[in-house]
């Protein structure tokens, strides 16, 4: 009976040691300045990664994780965070080619975002712009083909903390609608503004 308990205890310590060692090995290769984002709020950690040359290349909606790739160092890391959006772990992601492809796809999306007013002028769109301008709104950015066949332009009023957007059909630049949206949408989210 004693030998069974001793054997069980040894197996427990072996498994615990193996799991802890695996966790340490998973972080081998992750630069210390990247590991330093653990326990940061997600937005702070994202800003730090961006300053270190990383770009987001994949994000899971329900899995609470994101992949970030640094093209110059060819490093890919997986950032895990909890439901309070606090970073809980940063691991080395060995699927470098998958991260590279994800980054390329992400960049294609961001290429659609442009600072300032869209190079579109029609009577109705210009009329909508004038209305917004008269209400204290200023143009922030526009998105080329936000949805199939449609583009939009975002206007923000910092005094009232409101954002409006104008949507038009690309074919013929025909105005579709002018609508309000969340104030946070008034800032161009593209990582590289152009």
C-alpha atoms as a PDB file:
ATOM      1  CA  UNK A   1       0.000   0.000   0.000  1.00  0.00           C
ATOM      2  CA  UNK A   2       2.822   2.399   0.887  1.00  0.00           C
ATOM      3  CA  UNK A   3       4.627   1.644  -2.373  1.00  0.00           C
ATOM      4  CA  UNK A   4       1.436   2.398  -4.372  1.00  0.00           C
ATOM      5  CA  UNK A   5       1.069   5.774  -2.636  1.00  0.00           C
ATOM      6  CA  UNK A   6       4.734   6.534  -3.208  1.00  0.00           C
ATOM      7  CA  UNK A   7       4.484   5.517  -6.857  1.00  0.00           C
ATOM      8  CA  UNK A   8       1.343   7.683  -7.326  1.00  0.00           C
ATOM      9  CA  UNK A   9       3.082  10.614  -5.663  1.00  0.00           C
ATOM     10  CA  UNK A  10       6.141  10.234  -7.920  1.00  0.00           C
ATOM     11  CA  UNK A  11       3.938  10.054 -11.021  1.00  0.00           C
ATOM     12  CA  UNK A  12       2.097  13.209  -9.875  1.00  0.00           C
ATOM     13  CA  UNK A  13       5.367  15.137  -9.411  1.00  0.00           C
ATOM     14  CA  UNK A  14       6.688  13.887 -12.750  1.00  0.00           C
ATOM     15  CA  UNK A  15       3.544  15.022 -14.618  1.00  0.00           C
ATOM     16  CA  UNK A  16       3.463  18.366 -12.801  1.00  0.00           C
ATOM     17  CA  UNK A  17       7.155  18.944 -13.545  1.00  0.00           C
ATOM     18  CA  UNK A  18       6.651  17.938 -17.179  1.00  0.00           C
ATOM     19  CA  UNK A  19       3.711  20.312 -17.623  1.00  0.00           C
ATOM     20  CA  UNK A  20       5.569  23.208 -15.996  1.00  0.00           C
ATOM     21  CA  UNK A  21       8.643  22.486 -18.105  1.00  0.00           C
ATOM     22  CA  UNK A  22       6.490  22.374 -21.265  1.00  0.00           C
ATOM     23  CA  UNK A  23       5.070  25.778 -20.438  1.00  0.00           C
ATOM     24  CA  UNK A  24       8.532  27.241 -19.967  1.00  0.00           C
ATOM     25  CA  UNK A  25       9.742  25.661 -23.213  1.00  0.00           C
ATOM     26  CA  UNK A  26       6.744  27.092 -25.085  1.00  0.00           C
ATOM     27  CA  UNK A  27       7.975  30.566 -24.159  1.00  0.00           C
ATOM     28  CA  UNK A  28      11.574  29.838 -25.189  1.00  0.00           C
ATOM     29  CA  UNK A  29      12.419  32.078 -28.092  1.00  0.00           C
ATOM     30  CA  UNK A  30       9.865  34.749 -27.179  1.00  0.00           C
ATOM     31  CA  UNK A  31      11.785  37.986 -26.686  1.00  0.00           C
ATOM     32  CA  UNK A  32      11.664  39.291 -23.105  1.00  0.00           C
ATOM     33  CA  UNK A  33      10.192  42.633 -24.240  1.00  0.00           C
ATOM     34  CA  UNK A  34       7.296  40.671 -25.762  1.00  0.00           C
ATOM     35  CA  UNK A  35       6.802  38.520 -22.654  1.00  0.00           C
ATOM     36  CA  UNK A  36       6.618  41.782 -20.676  1.00  0.00           C
ATOM     37  CA  UNK A  37       3.099  42.393 -22.057  1.00  0.00           C
ATOM     38  CA  UNK A  38       1.699  39.580 -19.886  1.00  0.00           C
ATOM     39  CA  UNK A  39      -0.771  41.069 -17.354  1.00  0.00           C
ATOM     40  CA  UNK A  40      -1.186  44.219 -19.474  1.00  0.00           C
ATOM     41  CA  UNK A  41      -4.588  45.251 -20.791  1.00  0.00           C
ATOM     42  CA  UNK A  42      -5.026  44.001 -24.351  1.00  0.00           C
ATOM     43  CA  UNK A  43      -4.992  47.451 -25.970  1.00  0.00           C
ATOM     44  CA  UNK A  44      -1.771  48.373 -24.095  1.00  0.00           C
ATOM     45  CA  UNK A  45      -0.141  45.084 -25.102  1.00  0.00           C
ATOM     46  CA  UNK A  46      -1.194  45.600 -28.721  1.00  0.00           C
ATOM     47  CA  UNK A  47       0.347  49.084 -28.718  1.00  0.00           C
ATOM     48  CA  UNK A  48       3.597  47.659 -27.283  1.00  0.00           C
ATOM     49  CA  UNK A  49       3.711  44.895 -29.915  1.00  0.00           C
ATOM     50  CA  UNK A  50       3.136  47.461 -32.672  1.00  0.00           C
ATOM     51  CA  UNK A  51       5.998  49.597 -31.321  1.00  0.00           C
ATOM     52  CA  UNK A  52       8.220  46.495 -31.433  1.00  0.00           C
ATOM     53  CA  UNK A  53       7.448  45.952 -35.134  1.00  0.00           C
ATOM     54  CA  UNK A  54       4.754  43.288 -34.810  1.00  0.00           C
ATOM     55  CA  UNK A  55       1.538  43.313 -36.848  1.00  0.00           C
ATOM     56  CA  UNK A  56      -1.616  41.351 -36.115  1.00  0.00           C
ATOM     57  CA  UNK A  57      -2.048  38.476 -38.544  1.00  0.00           C
ATOM     58  CA  UNK A  58      -4.922  36.443 -37.048  1.00  0.00           C
ATOM     59  CA  UNK A  59      -7.554  36.800 -34.368  1.00  0.00           C
ATOM     60  CA  UNK A  60     -10.071  34.340 -32.973  1.00  0.00           C
ATOM     61  CA  UNK A  61     -13.423  35.771 -31.958  1.00  0.00           C
ATOM     62  CA  UNK A  62     -14.297  33.201 -29.285  1.00  0.00           C
ATOM     63  CA  UNK A  63     -10.869  31.703 -28.499  1.00  0.00           C
ATOM     64  CA  UNK A  64      -9.518  34.874 -26.864  1.00  0.00           C
ATOM     65  CA  UNK A  65      -6.216  34.805 -28.730  1.00  0.00           C
ATOM     66  CA  UNK A  66      -4.383  36.690 -31.453  1.00  0.00           C
ATOM     67  CA  UNK A  67      -1.356  35.909 -33.603  1.00  0.00           C
ATOM     68  CA  UNK A  68       1.213  38.668 -34.186  1.00  0.00           C
ATOM     69  CA  UNK A  69       4.036  38.534 -36.730  1.00  0.00           C
ATOM     70  CA  UNK A  70       7.280  40.517 -36.904  1.00  0.00           C
ATOM     71  CA  UNK A  71       8.422  40.484 -40.506  1.00  0.00           C
ATOM     72  CA  UNK A  72      11.961  41.711 -39.828  1.00  0.00           C
ATOM     73  CA  UNK A  73      12.720  39.033 -37.207  1.00  0.00           C
ATOM     74  CA  UNK A  74      10.389  36.371 -38.719  1.00  0.00           C
ATOM     75  CA  UNK A  75       8.920  35.833 -35.237  1.00  0.00           C
ATOM     76  CA  UNK A  76       5.298  34.875 -34.742  1.00  0.00           C
ATOM     77  CA  UNK A  77       3.727  34.943 -31.278  1.00  0.00           C
ATOM     78  CA  UNK A  78       0.316  33.954 -29.976  1.00  0.00           C
ATOM     79  CA  UNK A  79      -1.166  36.313 -27.395  1.00  0.00           C
ATOM     80  CA  UNK A  80      -3.826  34.855 -25.097  1.00  0.00           C
ATOM     81  CA  UNK A  81      -6.160  37.043 -23.050  1.00  0.00           C
ATOM     82  CA  UNK A  82      -9.042  36.557 -20.625  1.00  0.00           C
ATOM     83  CA  UNK A  83     -12.626  37.815 -20.766  1.00  0.00           C
ATOM     84  CA  UNK A  84     -11.549  41.055 -19.058  1.00  0.00           C
ATOM     85  CA  UNK A  85      -9.135  41.617 -21.978  1.00  0.00           C
ATOM     86  CA  UNK A  86      -6.028  41.199 -19.852  1.00  0.00           C
ATOM     87  CA  UNK A  87      -3.140  39.333 -21.480  1.00  0.00           C
ATOM     88  CA  UNK A  88      -2.566  36.021 -19.708  1.00  0.00           C
ATOM     89  CA  UNK A  89       0.124  34.376 -21.847  1.00  0.00           C
ATOM     90  CA  UNK A  90       2.429  34.929 -24.841  1.00  0.00           C
ATOM     91  CA  UNK A  91       3.699  31.868 -26.704  1.00  0.00           C
ATOM     92  CA  UNK A  92       5.999  31.337 -29.663  1.00  0.00           C
ATOM     93  CA  UNK A  93       3.991  30.282 -32.732  1.00  0.00           C
ATOM     94  CA  UNK A  94       6.037  27.951 -34.921  1.00  0.00           C
ATOM     95  CA  UNK A  95       3.688  28.265 -37.926  1.00  0.00           C
ATOM     96  CA  UNK A  96       5.667  31.143 -39.452  1.00  0.00           C
ATOM     97  CA  UNK A  97       4.417  30.641 -43.024  1.00  0.00           C
ATOM     98  CA  UNK A  98       0.791  30.660 -41.829  1.00  0.00           C
ATOM     99  CA  UNK A  99       1.462  33.884 -39.893  1.00  0.00           C
ATOM    100  CA  UNK A 100       3.093  35.429 -42.984  1.00  0.00           C
ATOM    101  CA  UNK A 101       0.026  34.566 -45.117  1.00  0.00           C
ATOM    102  CA  UNK A 102      -2.287  35.961 -42.438  1.00  0.00           C
ATOM    103  CA  UNK A 103      -0.315  39.205 -42.368  1.00  0.00           C
ATOM    104  CA  UNK A 104      -0.498  39.555 -46.149  1.00  0.00           C
ATOM    105  CA  UNK A 105      -4.282  39.028 -46.075  1.00  0.00           C
ATOM    106  CA  UNK A 106      -4.641  41.523 -43.213  1.00  0.00           C
ATOM    107  CA  UNK A 107      -2.635  44.153 -45.094  1.00  0.00           C
ATOM    108  CA  UNK A 108      -4.919  43.815 -48.122  1.00  0.00           C
ATOM    109  CA  UNK A 109      -7.868  44.713 -45.890  1.00  0.00           C
ATOM    110  CA  UNK A 110      -6.042  47.699 -44.370  1.00  0.00           C
ATOM    111  CA  UNK A 111      -5.120  49.005 -47.834  1.00  0.00           C
ATOM    112  CA  UNK A 112      -8.770  49.986 -48.235  1.00  0.00           C
ATOM    113  CA  UNK A 113      -8.543  52.559 -45.399  1.00  0.00           C
ATOM    114  CA  UNK A 114      -7.501  56.123 -46.295  1.00  0.00           C
ATOM    115  CA  UNK A 115      -7.230  59.327 -44.249  1.00  0.00           C
ATOM    116  CA  UNK A 116      -9.260  62.354 -45.269  1.00  0.00           C
ATOM    117  CA  UNK A 117     -12.050  62.804 -47.779  1.00  0.00           C
ATOM    118  CA  UNK A 118     -12.694  60.307 -50.567  1.00  0.00           C
ATOM    119  CA  UNK A 119     -11.897  61.463 -54.110  1.00  0.00           C
ATOM    120  CA  UNK A 120     -15.597  61.316 -54.976  1.00  0.00           C
ATOM    121  CA  UNK A 121     -17.737  64.321 -55.845  1.00  0.00           C
ATOM    122  CA  UNK A 122     -21.385  64.130 -56.765  1.00  0.00           C
ATOM    123  CA  UNK A 123     -24.119  66.625 -56.021  1.00  0.00           C
ATOM    124  CA  UNK A 124     -25.825  64.439 -53.378  1.00  0.00           C
ATOM    125  CA  UNK A 125     -22.618  63.300 -51.643  1.00  0.00           C
ATOM    126  CA  UNK A 126     -21.320  66.877 -51.514  1.00  0.00           C
ATOM    127  CA  UNK A 127     -24.693  67.993 -50.120  1.00  0.00           C
ATOM    128  CA  UNK A 128     -24.413  65.386 -47.329  1.00  0.00           C
ATOM    129  CA  UNK A 129     -20.858  66.518 -46.584  1.00  0.00           C
ATOM    130  CA  UNK A 130     -22.000  70.143 -46.331  1.00  0.00           C
ATOM    131  CA  UNK A 131     -24.790  69.174 -43.878  1.00  0.00           C
ATOM    132  CA  UNK A 132     -22.305  67.359 -41.670  1.00  0.00           C
ATOM    133  CA  UNK A 133     -19.812  70.211 -41.849  1.00  0.00           C
ATOM    134  CA  UNK A 134     -22.539  72.688 -40.835  1.00  0.00           C
ATOM    135  CA  UNK A 135     -23.267  70.491 -37.786  1.00  0.00           C
ATOM    136  CA  UNK A 136     -19.629  70.683 -36.637  1.00  0.00           C
ATOM    137  CA  UNK A 137     -18.429  67.370 -38.122  1.00  0.00           C
ATOM    138  CA  UNK A 138     -15.030  66.992 -39.803  1.00  0.00           C
ATOM    139  CA  UNK A 139     -14.036  64.267 -42.243  1.00  0.00           C
ATOM    140  CA  UNK A 140     -11.773  61.643 -40.688  1.00  0.00           C
ATOM    141  CA  UNK A 141     -11.246  58.821 -43.202  1.00  0.00           C
ATOM    142  CA  UNK A 142     -12.861  56.772 -45.944  1.00  0.00           C
ATOM    143  CA  UNK A 143     -12.964  53.074 -46.807  1.00  0.00           C
ATOM    144  CA  UNK A 144     -12.737  51.836 -50.369  1.00  0.00           C
ATOM    145  CA  UNK A 145     -15.354  49.096 -50.775  1.00  0.00           C
ATOM    146  CA  UNK A 146     -16.417  48.531 -47.179  1.00  0.00           C
ATOM    147  CA  UNK A 147     -18.901  45.986 -48.546  1.00  0.00           C
ATOM    148  CA  UNK A 148     -19.258  44.626 -52.083  1.00  0.00           C
ATOM    149  CA  UNK A 149     -19.827  47.578 -54.399  1.00  0.00           C
ATOM    150  CA  UNK A 150     -20.043  50.216 -51.646  1.00  0.00           C
ATOM    151  CA  UNK A 151     -17.648  52.719 -50.082  1.00  0.00           C
ATOM    152  CA  UNK A 152     -18.049  54.938 -47.026  1.00  0.00           C
ATOM    153  CA  UNK A 153     -16.664  58.103 -45.487  1.00  0.00           C
ATOM    154  CA  UNK A 154     -16.520  58.778 -41.735  1.00  0.00           C
ATOM    155  CA  UNK A 155     -17.132  62.189 -40.158  1.00  0.00           C
ATOM    156  CA  UNK A 156     -16.533  62.970 -36.481  1.00  0.00           C
ATOM    157  CA  UNK A 157     -17.690  65.719 -34.119  1.00  0.00           C
ATOM    158  CA  UNK A 158     -15.353  65.695 -31.111  1.00  0.00           C
ATOM    159  CA  UNK A 159     -17.409  68.310 -29.242  1.00  0.00           C
ATOM    160  CA  UNK A 160     -20.543  66.131 -29.217  1.00  0.00           C
ATOM    161  CA  UNK A 161     -18.598  62.841 -29.430  1.00  0.00           C
ATOM    162  CA  UNK A 162     -20.637  61.650 -32.384  1.00  0.00           C
ATOM    163  CA  UNK A 163     -19.643  59.977 -35.631  1.00  0.00           C
ATOM    164  CA  UNK A 164     -21.600  59.872 -38.882  1.00  0.00           C
ATOM    165  CA  UNK A 165     -20.815  58.028 -42.078  1.00  0.00           C
ATOM    166  CA  UNK A 166     -21.830  58.483 -45.695  1.00  0.00           C
ATOM    167  CA  UNK A 167     -22.295  55.393 -47.893  1.00  0.00           C
ATOM    168  CA  UNK A 168     -22.377  55.367 -51.686  1.00  0.00           C
ATOM    169  CA  UNK A 169     -22.473  52.819 -54.500  1.00  0.00           C
ATOM    170  CA  UNK A 170     -19.120  52.645 -56.241  1.00  0.00           C
ATOM    171  CA  UNK A 171     -20.856  52.162 -59.585  1.00  0.00           C
ATOM    172  CA  UNK A 172     -21.843  55.706 -60.483  1.00  0.00           C
ATOM    173  CA  UNK A 173     -20.949  57.061 -57.019  1.00  0.00           C
ATOM    174  CA  UNK A 174     -24.628  57.106 -56.085  1.00  0.00           C
ATOM    175  CA  UNK A 175     -25.394  58.184 -52.489  1.00  0.00           C
ATOM    176  CA  UNK A 176     -27.085  55.435 -50.450  1.00  0.00           C
ATOM    177  CA  UNK A 177     -27.352  56.804 -46.896  1.00  0.00           C
ATOM    178  CA  UNK A 178     -25.913  58.951 -44.156  1.00  0.00           C
ATOM    179  CA  UNK A 179     -26.105  57.290 -40.762  1.00  0.00           C
ATOM    180  CA  UNK A 180     -24.704  57.563 -37.226  1.00  0.00           C
ATOM    181  CA  UNK A 181     -22.322  55.062 -35.656  1.00  0.00           C
ATOM    182  CA  UNK A 182     -20.275  54.656 -32.457  1.00  0.00           C
ATOM    183  CA  UNK A 183     -17.955  57.564 -31.647  1.00  0.00           C
ATOM    184  CA  UNK A 184     -14.944  55.208 -31.568  1.00  0.00           C
ATOM    185  CA  UNK A 185     -15.518  54.528 -35.271  1.00  0.00           C
ATOM    186  CA  UNK A 186     -14.504  58.130 -36.005  1.00  0.00           C
ATOM    187  CA  UNK A 187     -10.802  57.277 -35.933  1.00  0.00           C
ATOM    188  CA  UNK A 188      -9.110  55.478 -38.803  1.00  0.00           C
ATOM    189  CA  UNK A 189      -8.330  51.999 -37.418  1.00  0.00           C
ATOM    190  CA  UNK A 190      -5.762  51.198 -40.129  1.00  0.00           C
ATOM    191  CA  UNK A 191      -2.351  50.487 -38.585  1.00  0.00           C
ATOM    192  CA  UNK A 192      -0.592  52.483 -41.317  1.00  0.00           C
ATOM    193  CA  UNK A 193      -2.482  55.583 -42.343  1.00  0.00           C
ATOM    194  CA  UNK A 194      -2.260  56.713 -45.940  1.00  0.00           C
END
